[in-house]
Amino acid sequence: MSSQVLTPNTESAILARILESEERDLTPEAARYLLSMKLPPADEDRVDELSAKARAGSLTEAESQELDGYLHVGSLVAVWQSKARRVLKQPPVSQQ
């Protein structure tokens, strides 16, 4: 099954590097948006289908790559959402 390791130039690895850039702060509005992100029901169903096939040992190579893509993106979104929760827990910066 998936190793869950991002290779340097997969789409999700590139997106992760963009978000992890220290040059910009995550705004509370962006944090709330990230927390609202989730897979559409059709994609959730597809992940369930692929996961069942993986457990049964009947994934094709293409299906394995597809499942890996879902898992990588899911991991990336989970990291983003963790950062978003931290941003929203911080006290607001007062401007004087």
C-alpha atoms as a PDB file:
ATOM      1  CA  MET A   1       0.000   0.000   0.000  1.00  0.00           C
ATOM      2  CA  SER A   2       1.063   3.654   0.296  1.00  0.00           C
ATOM      3  CA  SER A   3       4.267   4.726   1.916  1.00  0.00           C
ATOM      4  CA  GLN A   4       2.696   8.160   2.620  1.00  0.00           C
ATOM      5  CA  VAL A   5       6.029   9.783   1.777  1.00  0.00           C
ATOM      6  CA  LEU A   6       5.816  12.731  -0.559  1.00  0.00           C
ATOM      7  CA  THR A   7       8.299  12.695  -3.373  1.00  0.00           C
ATOM      8  CA  PRO A   8       9.902  16.100  -3.969  1.00  0.00           C
ATOM      9  CA  ASN A   9       7.784  17.179  -6.925  1.00  0.00           C
ATOM     10  CA  THR A  10       4.363  15.625  -6.586  1.00  0.00           C
ATOM     11  CA  GLU A  11       1.548  18.140  -6.735  1.00  0.00           C
ATOM     12  CA  SER A  12       0.865  17.786  -3.033  1.00  0.00           C
ATOM     13  CA  ALA A  13       4.557  18.188  -2.139  1.00  0.00           C
ATOM     14  CA  ILE A  14       4.742  21.382  -4.184  1.00  0.00           C
ATOM     15  CA  LEU A  15       1.582  22.742  -2.519  1.00  0.00           C
ATOM     16  CA  ALA A  16       2.984  21.842   0.900  1.00  0.00           C
ATOM     17  CA  ARG A  17       6.115  23.869   0.216  1.00  0.00           C
ATOM     18  CA  ILE A  18       3.990  26.840  -0.855  1.00  0.00           C
ATOM     19  CA  LEU A  19       1.953  26.811   2.342  1.00  0.00           C
ATOM     20  CA  GLU A  20       4.954  26.171   4.568  1.00  0.00           C
ATOM     21  CA  SER A  21       6.692  29.264   3.237  1.00  0.00           C
ATOM     22  CA  GLU A  22       7.593  31.507   6.164  1.00  0.00           C
ATOM     23  CA  GLU A  23       7.122  34.644   4.072  1.00  0.00           C
ATOM     24  CA  ARG A  24       3.426  35.089   4.817  1.00  0.00           C
ATOM     25  CA  ASP A  25       1.149  34.656   7.775  1.00  0.00           C
ATOM     26  CA  LEU A  26      -2.077  32.702   7.616  1.00  0.00           C
ATOM     27  CA  THR A  27      -4.983  35.075   8.228  1.00  0.00           C
ATOM     28  CA  PRO A  28      -7.894  34.028  10.451  1.00  0.00           C
ATOM     29  CA  GLU A  29     -10.159  34.144   7.381  1.00  0.00           C
ATOM     30  CA  ALA A  30      -7.854  31.820   5.453  1.00  0.00           C
ATOM     31  CA  ALA A  31      -7.582  29.561   8.513  1.00  0.00           C
ATOM     32  CA  ARG A  32     -11.372  29.258   8.725  1.00  0.00           C
ATOM     33  CA  TYR A  33     -11.513  28.464   5.023  1.00  0.00           C
ATOM     34  CA  LEU A  34      -8.888  25.720   5.394  1.00  0.00           C
ATOM     35  CA  LEU A  35     -10.866  24.213   8.263  1.00  0.00           C
ATOM     36  CA  SER A  36     -13.956  24.065   6.045  1.00  0.00           C
ATOM     37  CA  MET A  37     -12.182  22.004   3.364  1.00  0.00           C
ATOM     38  CA  LYS A  38     -13.251  18.404   2.890  1.00  0.00           C
ATOM     39  CA  LEU A  39     -13.619  15.881   0.110  1.00  0.00           C
ATOM     40  CA  PRO A  40     -16.854  15.876  -1.867  1.00  0.00           C
ATOM     41  CA  PRO A  41     -19.020  12.792  -1.159  1.00  0.00           C
ATOM     42  CA  ALA A  42     -18.173  11.189  -4.520  1.00  0.00           C
ATOM     43  CA  ASP A  43     -14.463  11.365  -3.678  1.00  0.00           C
ATOM     44  CA  GLU A  44     -15.075   9.966  -0.180  1.00  0.00           C
ATOM     45  CA  ASP A  45     -16.895   7.054  -1.808  1.00  0.00           C
ATOM     46  CA  ARG A  46     -13.983   6.520  -4.203  1.00  0.00           C
ATOM     47  CA  VAL A  47     -11.463   6.490  -1.340  1.00  0.00           C
ATOM     48  CA  ASP A  48     -13.626   3.942   0.480  1.00  0.00           C
ATOM     49  CA  GLU A  49     -13.799   1.791  -2.661  1.00  0.00           C
ATOM     50  CA  LEU A  50     -10.050   1.959  -3.257  1.00  0.00           C
ATOM     51  CA  SER A  51      -9.300   1.275   0.411  1.00  0.00           C
ATOM     52  CA  ALA A  52     -11.506  -1.822   0.363  1.00  0.00           C
ATOM     53  CA  LYS A  53      -9.721  -3.080  -2.741  1.00  0.00           C
ATOM     54  CA  ALA A  54      -6.361  -2.381  -1.073  1.00  0.00           C
ATOM     55  CA  ARG A  55      -7.373  -4.398   2.002  1.00  0.00           C
ATOM     56  CA  ALA A  56      -8.444  -7.226  -0.307  1.00  0.00           C
ATOM     57  CA  GLY A  57      -5.146  -7.011  -2.183  1.00  0.00           C
ATOM     58  CA  SER A  58      -6.833  -6.383  -5.521  1.00  0.00           C
ATOM     59  CA  LEU A  59      -5.706  -2.848  -6.435  1.00  0.00           C
ATOM     60  CA  THR A  60      -4.314  -2.294  -9.898  1.00  0.00           C
ATOM     61  CA  GLU A  61      -1.182  -0.155 -10.220  1.00  0.00           C
ATOM     62  CA  ALA A  62      -3.285   2.765 -11.484  1.00  0.00           C
ATOM     63  CA  GLU A  63      -5.681   2.414  -8.551  1.00  0.00           C
ATOM     64  CA  SER A  64      -2.766   2.250  -6.135  1.00  0.00           C
ATOM     65  CA  GLN A  65      -1.412   5.510  -7.539  1.00  0.00           C
ATOM     66  CA  GLU A  66      -4.872   7.066  -7.339  1.00  0.00           C
ATOM     67  CA  LEU A  67      -5.233   6.031  -3.697  1.00  0.00           C
ATOM     68  CA  ASP A  68      -1.761   7.346  -2.937  1.00  0.00           C
ATOM     69  CA  GLY A  69      -2.814  10.683  -4.431  1.00  0.00           C
ATOM     70  CA  TYR A  70      -5.861  10.843  -2.192  1.00  0.00           C
ATOM     71  CA  LEU A  71      -3.794   9.895   0.857  1.00  0.00           C
ATOM     72  CA  HIS A  72      -1.085  12.455   0.113  1.00  0.00           C
ATOM     73  CA  VAL A  73      -3.592  15.248  -0.403  1.00  0.00           C
ATOM     74  CA  GLY A  74      -5.460  14.170   2.743  1.00  0.00           C
ATOM     75  CA  SER A  75      -2.247  14.339   4.748  1.00  0.00           C
ATOM     76  CA  LEU A  76      -1.446  17.760   3.327  1.00  0.00           C
ATOM     77  CA  VAL A  77      -4.904  19.111   4.163  1.00  0.00           C
ATOM     78  CA  ALA A  78      -4.608  17.687   7.689  1.00  0.00           C
ATOM     79  CA  VAL A  79      -1.331  19.588   8.196  1.00  0.00           C
ATOM     80  CA  TRP A  80      -2.892  22.785   6.827  1.00  0.00           C
ATOM     81  CA  GLN A  81      -5.887  22.373   9.119  1.00  0.00           C
ATOM     82  CA  SER A  82      -3.617  21.836  12.110  1.00  0.00           C
ATOM     83  CA  LYS A  83      -1.852  25.112  11.307  1.00  0.00           C
ATOM     84  CA  ALA A  84      -5.210  26.805  10.868  1.00  0.00           C
ATOM     85  CA  ARG A  85      -6.373  25.658  14.316  1.00  0.00           C
ATOM     86  CA  ARG A  86      -3.170  27.049  15.847  1.00  0.00           C
ATOM     87  CA  VAL A  87      -3.718  30.399  14.119  1.00  0.00           C
ATOM     88  CA  LEU A  88      -7.275  30.616  15.415  1.00  0.00           C
ATOM     89  CA  LYS A  89      -6.188  29.804  18.992  1.00  0.00           C
ATOM     90  CA  GLN A  90      -3.747  32.725  19.055  1.00  0.00           C
ATOM     91  CA  PRO A  91      -4.987  35.933  20.679  1.00  0.00           C
ATOM     92  CA  PRO A  92      -5.677  38.673  18.120  1.00  0.00           C
ATOM     93  CA  VAL A  93      -2.856  41.118  17.530  1.00  0.00           C
ATOM     94  CA  SER A  94      -3.860  44.502  18.893  1.00  0.00           C
ATOM     95  CA  GLN A  95      -3.069  47.499  16.743  1.00  0.00           C
ATOM     96  CA  GLN A  96      -2.199  50.715  18.511  1.00  0.00           C
END
